[in-house]
Amino acid sequence: MAALGVRDKAMIDYTSSRSPKVVALSCKMVGGGSDGSLDLCGRVCITDESDNVVFHTYVKPSMPVTNYRRKMS
């Protein structure tokens, strides 16, 4: 996780009596580089089969963000 640049100390609770059988991973991408065309991960979210958030964090990209891609969000 440190390689992803996670800024907070997020933890996933595996001790729950009802562990999800299915999870979905979503990443929001931002642009880097001089023209903003380089894909950089800006946010990660994991949800279970009932759309409950299991994990959510913002990611600090390894280079400055030059395009927040708001038109695509």
N, C-alpha and C. Protein backbone atom coordinates (compact mmCIF):
# COMPACT_ATOMS: atom_id res chain seq x y z
N MET A 1 0.80 -1.18 0.00
CA MET A 1 0.00 0.00 0.00
C MET A 1 0.86 1.26 0.00
N ALA A 2 2.00 1.19 0.65
CA ALA A 2 2.86 2.37 0.69
C ALA A 2 3.31 2.77 -0.70
N ALA A 3 3.50 1.79 -1.58
CA ALA A 3 3.92 2.09 -2.95
C ALA A 3 2.84 2.85 -3.71
N LEU A 4 1.58 2.71 -3.30
CA LEU A 4 0.49 3.42 -3.94
C LEU A 4 0.37 4.85 -3.43
N GLY A 5 1.08 5.16 -2.37
CA GLY A 5 1.02 6.51 -1.83
C GLY A 5 -0.21 6.75 -0.96
N VAL A 6 -0.70 5.73 -0.29
CA VAL A 6 -1.87 5.88 0.56
C VAL A 6 -1.53 6.85 1.68
N ARG A 7 -2.38 7.86 1.88
CA ARG A 7 -2.10 8.92 2.83
C ARG A 7 -2.58 8.63 4.24
N ASP A 8 -3.60 7.82 4.39
CA ASP A 8 -4.10 7.56 5.73
C ASP A 8 -3.82 6.12 6.12
N LYS A 9 -4.12 5.78 7.35
CA LYS A 9 -3.87 4.43 7.84
C LYS A 9 -5.16 3.62 7.74
N ALA A 10 -5.62 3.40 6.54
CA ALA A 10 -6.86 2.67 6.32
C ALA A 10 -6.67 1.20 6.63
N MET A 11 -7.70 0.60 7.21
CA MET A 11 -7.63 -0.81 7.56
C MET A 11 -8.92 -1.48 7.10
N ILE A 12 -8.82 -2.72 6.69
CA ILE A 12 -9.98 -3.52 6.33
C ILE A 12 -10.24 -4.49 7.47
N ASP A 13 -11.48 -4.56 7.94
CA ASP A 13 -11.83 -5.43 9.06
C ASP A 13 -12.21 -6.82 8.53
N TYR A 14 -11.31 -7.78 8.72
CA TYR A 14 -11.57 -9.15 8.29
C TYR A 14 -12.23 -9.97 9.39
N THR A 15 -12.45 -9.40 10.55
CA THR A 15 -13.00 -10.14 11.68
C THR A 15 -14.52 -10.14 11.71
N SER A 16 -15.15 -9.46 10.76
CA SER A 16 -16.60 -9.38 10.73
C SER A 16 -17.20 -10.77 10.57
N SER A 17 -18.35 -10.98 11.23
CA SER A 17 -19.00 -12.29 11.14
C SER A 17 -19.56 -12.53 9.74
N ARG A 18 -19.81 -11.47 8.99
CA ARG A 18 -20.34 -11.62 7.64
C ARG A 18 -19.34 -11.05 6.64
N SER A 19 -18.43 -11.87 6.23
CA SER A 19 -17.44 -11.44 5.25
C SER A 19 -18.06 -11.45 3.87
N PRO A 20 -17.78 -10.44 3.04
CA PRO A 20 -18.37 -10.41 1.70
C PRO A 20 -17.82 -11.54 0.83
N LYS A 21 -18.69 -12.11 0.02
CA LYS A 21 -18.29 -13.16 -0.91
C LYS A 21 -17.78 -12.57 -2.21
N VAL A 22 -18.30 -11.39 -2.53
CA VAL A 22 -17.95 -10.73 -3.77
C VAL A 22 -17.61 -9.28 -3.46
N VAL A 23 -16.53 -8.79 -4.03
CA VAL A 23 -16.18 -7.38 -3.89
C VAL A 23 -15.91 -6.79 -5.26
N ALA A 24 -16.06 -5.48 -5.36
CA ALA A 24 -15.76 -4.76 -6.61
C ALA A 24 -14.75 -3.67 -6.29
N LEU A 25 -13.82 -3.48 -7.19
CA LEU A 25 -12.77 -2.48 -7.03
C LEU A 25 -12.99 -1.38 -8.05
N SER A 26 -12.96 -0.13 -7.58
CA SER A 26 -13.09 1.01 -8.47
C SER A 26 -11.96 1.98 -8.20
N CYS A 27 -11.34 2.47 -9.25
CA CYS A 27 -10.27 3.46 -9.14
C CYS A 27 -10.66 4.69 -9.94
N LYS A 28 -10.53 5.85 -9.34
CA LYS A 28 -10.74 7.11 -10.06
C LYS A 28 -9.37 7.58 -10.52
N MET A 29 -9.26 7.83 -11.80
CA MET A 29 -7.98 8.19 -12.38
C MET A 29 -7.91 9.70 -12.60
N VAL A 30 -6.71 10.23 -12.46
CA VAL A 30 -6.40 11.62 -12.76
C VAL A 30 -5.28 11.63 -13.78
N GLY A 31 -5.00 12.78 -14.34
CA GLY A 31 -3.97 12.87 -15.36
C GLY A 31 -2.70 13.52 -14.84
N GLY A 32 -1.58 13.04 -15.31
CA GLY A 32 -0.29 13.62 -14.96
C GLY A 32 0.50 13.90 -16.23
N GLY A 33 1.66 14.48 -16.07
CA GLY A 33 2.48 14.83 -17.22
C GLY A 33 2.12 16.21 -17.75
N SER A 34 2.88 16.68 -18.69
CA SER A 34 2.69 18.05 -19.19
C SER A 34 1.34 18.28 -19.84
N ASP A 35 0.77 17.24 -20.47
CA ASP A 35 -0.54 17.41 -21.12
C ASP A 35 -1.67 16.68 -20.39
N GLY A 36 -1.37 16.08 -19.25
CA GLY A 36 -2.39 15.39 -18.47
C GLY A 36 -2.82 14.05 -19.01
N SER A 37 -2.07 13.49 -19.95
CA SER A 37 -2.48 12.24 -20.58
C SER A 37 -1.97 10.99 -19.87
N LEU A 38 -1.09 11.14 -18.89
CA LEU A 38 -0.56 9.99 -18.16
C LEU A 38 -1.55 9.59 -17.07
N ASP A 39 -1.99 8.32 -17.06
CA ASP A 39 -2.97 7.84 -16.08
C ASP A 39 -2.33 7.66 -14.71
N LEU A 40 -2.94 8.29 -13.69
CA LEU A 40 -2.51 8.16 -12.31
C LEU A 40 -3.73 7.86 -11.45
N CYS A 41 -3.58 6.94 -10.50
CA CYS A 41 -4.68 6.60 -9.61
C CYS A 41 -4.82 7.69 -8.55
N GLY A 42 -6.05 8.20 -8.35
CA GLY A 42 -6.31 9.24 -7.37
C GLY A 42 -7.19 8.79 -6.21
N ARG A 43 -7.97 7.72 -6.41
CA ARG A 43 -8.87 7.24 -5.36
C ARG A 43 -9.17 5.77 -5.60
N VAL A 44 -9.28 5.01 -4.53
CA VAL A 44 -9.60 3.58 -4.59
C VAL A 44 -10.79 3.32 -3.68
N CYS A 45 -11.75 2.54 -4.19
CA CYS A 45 -12.91 2.17 -3.39
C CYS A 45 -13.23 0.70 -3.64
N ILE A 46 -13.48 -0.04 -2.56
CA ILE A 46 -13.89 -1.44 -2.66
C ILE A 46 -15.27 -1.55 -2.03
N THR A 47 -16.21 -2.15 -2.75
CA THR A 47 -17.56 -2.36 -2.23
C THR A 47 -17.89 -3.84 -2.25
N ASP A 48 -18.85 -4.23 -1.40
CA ASP A 48 -19.28 -5.62 -1.40
C ASP A 48 -20.48 -5.80 -2.34
N GLU A 49 -21.05 -6.98 -2.34
CA GLU A 49 -22.14 -7.29 -3.28
C GLU A 49 -23.41 -6.51 -2.99
N SER A 50 -23.51 -5.91 -1.81
CA SER A 50 -24.67 -5.08 -1.46
C SER A 50 -24.37 -3.59 -1.58
N ASP A 51 -23.32 -3.24 -2.26
CA ASP A 51 -22.87 -1.85 -2.45
C ASP A 51 -22.48 -1.15 -1.15
N ASN A 52 -22.12 -1.91 -0.13
CA ASN A 52 -21.58 -1.33 1.10
C ASN A 52 -20.09 -1.08 0.90
N VAL A 53 -19.61 0.07 1.34
CA VAL A 53 -18.19 0.40 1.18
C VAL A 53 -17.38 -0.41 2.19
N VAL A 54 -16.45 -1.21 1.66
CA VAL A 54 -15.56 -2.02 2.48
C VAL A 54 -14.27 -1.24 2.76
N PHE A 55 -13.81 -0.51 1.75
CA PHE A 55 -12.55 0.23 1.85
C PHE A 55 -12.62 1.43 0.93
N HIS A 56 -12.14 2.57 1.39
CA HIS A 56 -12.10 3.77 0.57
C HIS A 56 -10.91 4.61 1.00
N THR A 57 -10.11 5.07 0.04
CA THR A 57 -8.98 5.94 0.36
C THR A 57 -8.61 6.78 -0.85
N TYR A 58 -8.01 7.91 -0.58
CA TYR A 58 -7.42 8.73 -1.63
C TYR A 58 -5.96 8.32 -1.76
N VAL A 59 -5.44 8.40 -2.96
CA VAL A 59 -4.07 8.00 -3.24
C VAL A 59 -3.28 9.22 -3.69
N LYS A 60 -2.10 9.39 -3.14
CA LYS A 60 -1.22 10.49 -3.56
C LYS A 60 -0.42 10.02 -4.76
N PRO A 61 -0.68 10.57 -5.95
CA PRO A 61 0.07 10.15 -7.13
C PRO A 61 1.56 10.46 -6.99
N SER A 62 2.36 9.74 -7.73
CA SER A 62 3.81 9.88 -7.64
C SER A 62 4.33 11.13 -8.34
N MET A 63 3.47 11.83 -9.06
CA MET A 63 3.86 13.08 -9.72
C MET A 63 2.70 14.06 -9.64
N PRO A 64 2.93 15.33 -9.90
CA PRO A 64 1.85 16.32 -9.81
C PRO A 64 0.69 16.02 -10.76
N VAL A 65 -0.52 16.28 -10.28
CA VAL A 65 -1.73 16.11 -11.09
C VAL A 65 -1.90 17.34 -11.97
N THR A 66 -2.06 17.13 -13.26
CA THR A 66 -2.26 18.24 -14.19
C THR A 66 -3.64 18.23 -14.83
N ASN A 67 -4.41 17.14 -14.62
CA ASN A 67 -5.75 17.04 -15.17
C ASN A 67 -6.60 16.21 -14.20
N TYR A 68 -7.61 16.83 -13.60
CA TYR A 68 -8.47 16.11 -12.65
C TYR A 68 -9.57 15.33 -13.34
N ARG A 69 -9.72 15.46 -14.63
CA ARG A 69 -10.68 14.70 -15.45
C ARG A 69 -12.09 14.78 -14.89
N ARG A 70 -12.53 15.95 -14.54
CA ARG A 70 -13.87 16.16 -13.98
C ARG A 70 -14.97 15.85 -15.00
N LYS A 71 -14.68 16.04 -16.28
CA LYS A 71 -15.70 15.76 -17.30
C LYS A 71 -16.02 14.28 -17.39
N MET A 72 -15.12 13.42 -16.93
CA MET A 72 -15.32 11.97 -17.00
C MET A 72 -15.89 11.39 -15.73
N SER A 73 -15.96 12.16 -14.65
CA SER A 73 -16.42 11.64 -13.35
C SER A 73 -17.90 11.88 -13.18
